[in-house]
Amino acid sequence: MKGIGSFRRQQGAVAIEFAAVFVLFFAVLYGLLGYCVPLLMLQAFNDAAASGARIAISVNPQAPGYAALLHQTVTAEVNKRLIWMPAAWRQGCYNGSYLQEPMPNEVINQRSYTRVNVCISYPYATSPIVPLLTLPVIGTIPRLPAVLSGRATLLF
């Protein structure tokens, strides 16, 4: 019995449905994987910057060569936290340095404080780690900011 929806007339329908659904599932899977690495980098940058700012206040300001010692200590701490990541993936925000120098002084409630700024960045727009995929209707996957950065600020 051959009716309106006979098998011969429907042979290509499964392939067309599969192609449509496959694009959607592939976009979701690629998006999941495409966002994992950059977000892991961002979390690691924030952790390393916070750790660098915390270690900065442990350096004695009366020590000889304080500025060089501070820079060396912060750089060592940030690199220790990010040792699992390739060195090309991490850059300092302040002319290649993780620590902003000179450190700005601020007066709050008639007391003088020094602000420590630590920043780590990666220019994701110029060299993405996960290749960008452009799908019709959906657009570019993953959509991320041009620069991934982690910052920490501390007053002491």
C-alpha atoms as a PDB file:
ATOM      1  CA  MET A   1       0.000   0.000   0.000  1.00  0.00           C
ATOM      2  CA  LYS A   2       1.512   3.268  -1.108  1.00  0.00           C
ATOM      3  CA  GLY A   3       0.075   6.281   0.594  1.00  0.00           C
ATOM      4  CA  ILE A   4       0.946   9.941   0.624  1.00  0.00           C
ATOM      5  CA  GLY A   5       3.970   9.482   2.901  1.00  0.00           C
ATOM      6  CA  SER A   6       5.445   6.437   1.202  1.00  0.00           C
ATOM      7  CA  PHE A   7       8.978   5.315   1.965  1.00  0.00           C
ATOM      8  CA  ARG A   8      10.306   6.139  -1.501  1.00  0.00           C
ATOM      9  CA  ARG A   9       9.177   9.756  -1.291  1.00  0.00           C
ATOM     10  CA  GLN A  10      10.758  10.244   2.175  1.00  0.00           C
ATOM     11  CA  GLN A  11      14.248   8.804   1.601  1.00  0.00           C
ATOM     12  CA  GLY A  12      16.079  12.159   1.603  1.00  0.00           C
ATOM     13  CA  ALA A  13      14.090  13.698   4.469  1.00  0.00           C
ATOM     14  CA  VAL A  14      16.181  12.018   7.158  1.00  0.00           C
ATOM     15  CA  ALA A  15      19.421  13.358   5.680  1.00  0.00           C
ATOM     16  CA  ILE A  16      18.034  16.890   5.535  1.00  0.00           C
ATOM     17  CA  GLU A  17      16.772  16.731   9.140  1.00  0.00           C
ATOM     18  CA  PHE A  18      20.102  15.309  10.301  1.00  0.00           C
ATOM     19  CA  ALA A  19      22.030  18.116   8.600  1.00  0.00           C
ATOM     20  CA  ALA A  20      19.855  20.776  10.224  1.00  0.00           C
ATOM     21  CA  VAL A  21      20.083  19.273  13.699  1.00  0.00           C
ATOM     22  CA  PHE A  22      23.798  18.465  13.361  1.00  0.00           C
ATOM     23  CA  VAL A  23      24.661  22.144  12.762  1.00  0.00           C
ATOM     24  CA  LEU A  24      22.843  23.130  15.932  1.00  0.00           C
ATOM     25  CA  PHE A  25      24.422  20.420  18.099  1.00  0.00           C
ATOM     26  CA  PHE A  26      27.866  21.070  16.623  1.00  0.00           C
ATOM     27  CA  ALA A  27      27.529  24.781  17.417  1.00  0.00           C
ATOM     28  CA  VAL A  28      26.609  23.999  21.020  1.00  0.00           C
ATOM     29  CA  LEU A  29      29.482  21.540  21.443  1.00  0.00           C
ATOM     30  CA  TYR A  30      32.039  23.818  19.778  1.00  0.00           C
ATOM     31  CA  GLY A  31      30.798  26.754  21.840  1.00  0.00           C
ATOM     32  CA  LEU A  32      31.171  24.752  25.034  1.00  0.00           C
ATOM     33  CA  LEU A  33      34.717  23.767  24.187  1.00  0.00           C
ATOM     34  CA  GLY A  34      35.531  27.158  22.687  1.00  0.00           C
ATOM     35  CA  TYR A  35      34.577  29.030  25.858  1.00  0.00           C
ATOM     36  CA  CYS A  36      36.206  26.638  28.346  1.00  0.00           C
ATOM     37  CA  VAL A  37      39.836  27.486  27.596  1.00  0.00           C
ATOM     38  CA  PRO A  38      39.469  31.296  27.512  1.00  0.00           C
ATOM     39  CA  LEU A  39      37.380  31.303  30.697  1.00  0.00           C
ATOM     40  CA  LEU A  40      39.941  29.058  32.400  1.00  0.00           C
ATOM     41  CA  MET A  41      42.607  31.555  31.341  1.00  0.00           C
ATOM     42  CA  LEU A  42      40.598  34.435  32.748  1.00  0.00           C
ATOM     43  CA  GLN A  43      40.137  32.672  36.082  1.00  0.00           C
ATOM     44  CA  ALA A  44      43.849  31.872  36.230  1.00  0.00           C
ATOM     45  CA  PHE A  45      44.736  35.500  35.398  1.00  0.00           C
ATOM     46  CA  ASN A  46      42.508  36.801  38.207  1.00  0.00           C
ATOM     47  CA  ASP A  47      43.979  34.322  40.700  1.00  0.00           C
ATOM     48  CA  ALA A  48      47.573  35.118  39.701  1.00  0.00           C
ATOM     49  CA  ALA A  49      46.964  38.875  39.828  1.00  0.00           C
ATOM     50  CA  ALA A  50      45.421  38.614  43.305  1.00  0.00           C
ATOM     51  CA  SER A  51      48.324  36.482  44.477  1.00  0.00           C
ATOM     52  CA  GLY A  52      50.821  38.971  43.018  1.00  0.00           C
ATOM     53  CA  ALA A  53      49.121  41.877  44.783  1.00  0.00           C
ATOM     54  CA  ARG A  54      49.084  39.974  48.084  1.00  0.00           C
ATOM     55  CA  ILE A  55      52.788  39.111  47.852  1.00  0.00           C
ATOM     56  CA  ALA A  56      53.630  42.749  46.983  1.00  0.00           C
ATOM     57  CA  ILE A  57      52.677  43.973  50.440  1.00  0.00           C
ATOM     58  CA  SER A  58      55.016  41.437  52.040  1.00  0.00           C
ATOM     59  CA  VAL A  59      58.094  43.184  50.591  1.00  0.00           C
ATOM     60  CA  ASN A  60      59.784  45.526  53.071  1.00  0.00           C
ATOM     61  CA  PRO A  61      59.672  49.135  51.757  1.00  0.00           C
ATOM     62  CA  GLN A  62      62.876  49.963  53.678  1.00  0.00           C
ATOM     63  CA  ALA A  63      64.848  47.205  51.890  1.00  0.00           C
ATOM     64  CA  PRO A  64      67.636  48.416  49.611  1.00  0.00           C
ATOM     65  CA  GLY A  65      66.531  48.314  45.975  1.00  0.00           C
ATOM     66  CA  TYR A  66      62.865  48.142  46.985  1.00  0.00           C
ATOM     67  CA  ALA A  67      61.452  48.830  43.500  1.00  0.00           C
ATOM     68  CA  ALA A  68      63.528  46.107  41.825  1.00  0.00           C
ATOM     69  CA  LEU A  69      62.835  43.639  44.643  1.00  0.00           C
ATOM     70  CA  LEU A  70      59.104  44.365  44.473  1.00  0.00           C
ATOM     71  CA  HIS A  71      59.027  43.918  40.699  1.00  0.00           C
ATOM     72  CA  GLN A  72      61.006  40.663  40.945  1.00  0.00           C
ATOM     73  CA  THR A  73      58.793  39.278  43.729  1.00  0.00           C
ATOM     74  CA  VAL A  74      55.519  40.046  41.938  1.00  0.00           C
ATOM     75  CA  THR A  75      56.806  38.645  38.623  1.00  0.00           C
ATOM     76  CA  ALA A  76      58.013  35.461  40.308  1.00  0.00           C
ATOM     77  CA  GLU A  77      54.678  34.945  42.090  1.00  0.00           C
ATOM     78  CA  VAL A  78      52.591  35.528  38.949  1.00  0.00           C
ATOM     79  CA  ASN A  79      54.815  33.203  36.900  1.00  0.00           C
ATOM     80  CA  LYS A  80      54.613  30.571  39.633  1.00  0.00           C
ATOM     81  CA  ARG A  81      50.808  30.668  39.530  1.00  0.00           C
ATOM     82  CA  LEU A  82      50.718  30.502  35.727  1.00  0.00           C
ATOM     83  CA  ILE A  83      53.517  27.973  35.161  1.00  0.00           C
ATOM     84  CA  TRP A  84      51.070  25.511  33.597  1.00  0.00           C
ATOM     85  CA  MET A  85      50.248  28.023  30.863  1.00  0.00           C
ATOM     86  CA  PRO A  86      52.602  28.736  27.921  1.00  0.00           C
ATOM     87  CA  ALA A  87      54.561  31.953  28.438  1.00  0.00           C
ATOM     88  CA  ALA A  88      53.193  33.411  25.184  1.00  0.00           C
ATOM     89  CA  TRP A  89      49.687  33.334  26.668  1.00  0.00           C
ATOM     90  CA  ARG A  90      50.446  35.769  29.491  1.00  0.00           C
ATOM     91  CA  GLN A  91      51.603  39.356  29.215  1.00  0.00           C
ATOM     92  CA  GLY A  92      51.795  42.273  31.581  1.00  0.00           C
ATOM     93  CA  CYS A  93      49.421  45.180  31.034  1.00  0.00           C
ATOM     94  CA  TYR A  94      51.958  47.842  31.988  1.00  0.00           C
ATOM     95  CA  ASN A  95      54.515  47.861  29.123  1.00  0.00           C
ATOM     96  CA  GLY A  96      55.160  44.153  29.571  1.00  0.00           C
ATOM     97  CA  SER A  97      55.265  44.331  33.369  1.00  0.00           C
ATOM     98  CA  TYR A  98      52.653  42.781  35.652  1.00  0.00           C
ATOM     99  CA  LEU A  99      53.103  45.551  38.251  1.00  0.00           C
ATOM    100  CA  GLN A 100      52.162  49.186  37.658  1.00  0.00           C
ATOM    101  CA  GLU A 101      55.134  51.377  38.406  1.00  0.00           C
ATOM    102  CA  PRO A 102      55.341  53.915  39.915  1.00  0.00           C
ATOM    103  CA  MET A 103      52.691  52.876  42.382  1.00  0.00           C
ATOM    104  CA  PRO A 104      50.189  55.691  42.931  1.00  0.00           C
ATOM    105  CA  ASN A 105      49.737  57.168  46.392  1.00  0.00           C
ATOM    106  CA  GLU A 106      46.282  58.062  47.669  1.00  0.00           C
ATOM    107  CA  VAL A 107      45.079  59.963  50.695  1.00  0.00           C
ATOM    108  CA  ILE A 108      41.956  58.543  52.331  1.00  0.00           C
ATOM    109  CA  ASN A 109      40.676  59.966  55.627  1.00  0.00           C
ATOM    110  CA  GLN A 110      43.909  61.919  56.061  1.00  0.00           C
ATOM    111  CA  ARG A 111      46.047  58.760  55.811  1.00  0.00           C
ATOM    112  CA  SER A 112      48.417  58.070  52.950  1.00  0.00           C
ATOM    113  CA  TYR A 113      48.109  54.705  51.162  1.00  0.00           C
ATOM    114  CA  THR A 114      49.983  53.102  48.302  1.00  0.00           C
ATOM    115  CA  ARG A 115      47.953  51.349  45.616  1.00  0.00           C
ATOM    116  CA  VAL A 116      49.364  48.153  44.134  1.00  0.00           C
ATOM    117  CA  ASN A 117      47.967  47.324  40.685  1.00  0.00           C
ATOM    118  CA  VAL A 118      48.742  43.932  39.141  1.00  0.00           C
ATOM    119  CA  CYS A 119      47.432  43.031  35.693  1.00  0.00           C
ATOM    120  CA  ILE A 120      47.873  40.087  33.318  1.00  0.00           C
ATOM    121  CA  SER A 121      46.451  40.047  29.810  1.00  0.00           C
ATOM    122  CA  TYR A 122      46.254  38.143  26.541  1.00  0.00           C
ATOM    123  CA  PRO A 123      45.263  39.733  23.186  1.00  0.00           C
ATOM    124  CA  TYR A 124      42.630  37.186  22.161  1.00  0.00           C
ATOM    125  CA  ALA A 125      41.418  39.088  19.088  1.00  0.00           C
ATOM    126  CA  THR A 126      44.819  39.042  17.378  1.00  0.00           C
ATOM    127  CA  SER A 127      45.692  35.416  18.122  1.00  0.00           C
ATOM    128  CA  PRO A 128      42.797  33.306  19.400  1.00  0.00           C
ATOM    129  CA  ILE A 129      43.707  30.054  21.135  1.00  0.00           C
ATOM    130  CA  VAL A 130      40.585  28.283  19.941  1.00  0.00           C
ATOM    131  CA  PRO A 131      39.900  28.992  16.254  1.00  0.00           C
ATOM    132  CA  LEU A 132      36.866  31.150  15.656  1.00  0.00           C
ATOM    133  CA  LEU A 133      34.065  29.415  13.816  1.00  0.00           C
ATOM    134  CA  THR A 134      31.459  31.360  11.875  1.00  0.00           C
ATOM    135  CA  LEU A 135      28.158  29.548  11.405  1.00  0.00           C
ATOM    136  CA  PRO A 136      25.200  30.800   9.412  1.00  0.00           C
ATOM    137  CA  VAL A 137      22.433  32.344  11.520  1.00  0.00           C
ATOM    138  CA  ILE A 138      24.382  31.687  14.761  1.00  0.00           C
ATOM    139  CA  GLY A 139      27.440  33.849  14.026  1.00  0.00           C
ATOM    140  CA  THR A 140      30.963  33.643  15.396  1.00  0.00           C
ATOM    141  CA  ILE A 141      31.764  31.092  18.096  1.00  0.00           C
ATOM    142  CA  PRO A 142      33.214  31.896  20.622  1.00  0.00           C
ATOM    143  CA  ARG A 143      32.390  35.593  21.013  1.00  0.00           C
ATOM    144  CA  LEU A 144      34.930  36.998  23.424  1.00  0.00           C
ATOM    145  CA  PRO A 145      36.400  40.412  24.220  1.00  0.00           C
ATOM    146  CA  ALA A 146      39.457  41.552  22.266  1.00  0.00           C
ATOM    147  CA  VAL A 147      41.712  41.313  25.335  1.00  0.00           C
ATOM    148  CA  LEU A 148      41.369  38.799  28.171  1.00  0.00           C
ATOM    149  CA  SER A 149      42.766  40.290  31.374  1.00  0.00           C
ATOM    150  CA  GLY A 150      42.864  39.684  35.092  1.00  0.00           C
ATOM    151  CA  ARG A 151      43.431  42.575  37.497  1.00  0.00           C
ATOM    152  CA  ALA A 152      43.945  42.995  41.207  1.00  0.00           C
ATOM    153  CA  THR A 153      44.266  46.174  43.239  1.00  0.00           C
ATOM    154  CA  LEU A 154      45.358  46.490  46.829  1.00  0.00           C
ATOM    155  CA  LEU A 155      45.805  49.467  49.148  1.00  0.00           C
ATOM    156  CA  PHE A 156      48.433  49.363  51.894  1.00  0.00           C
END
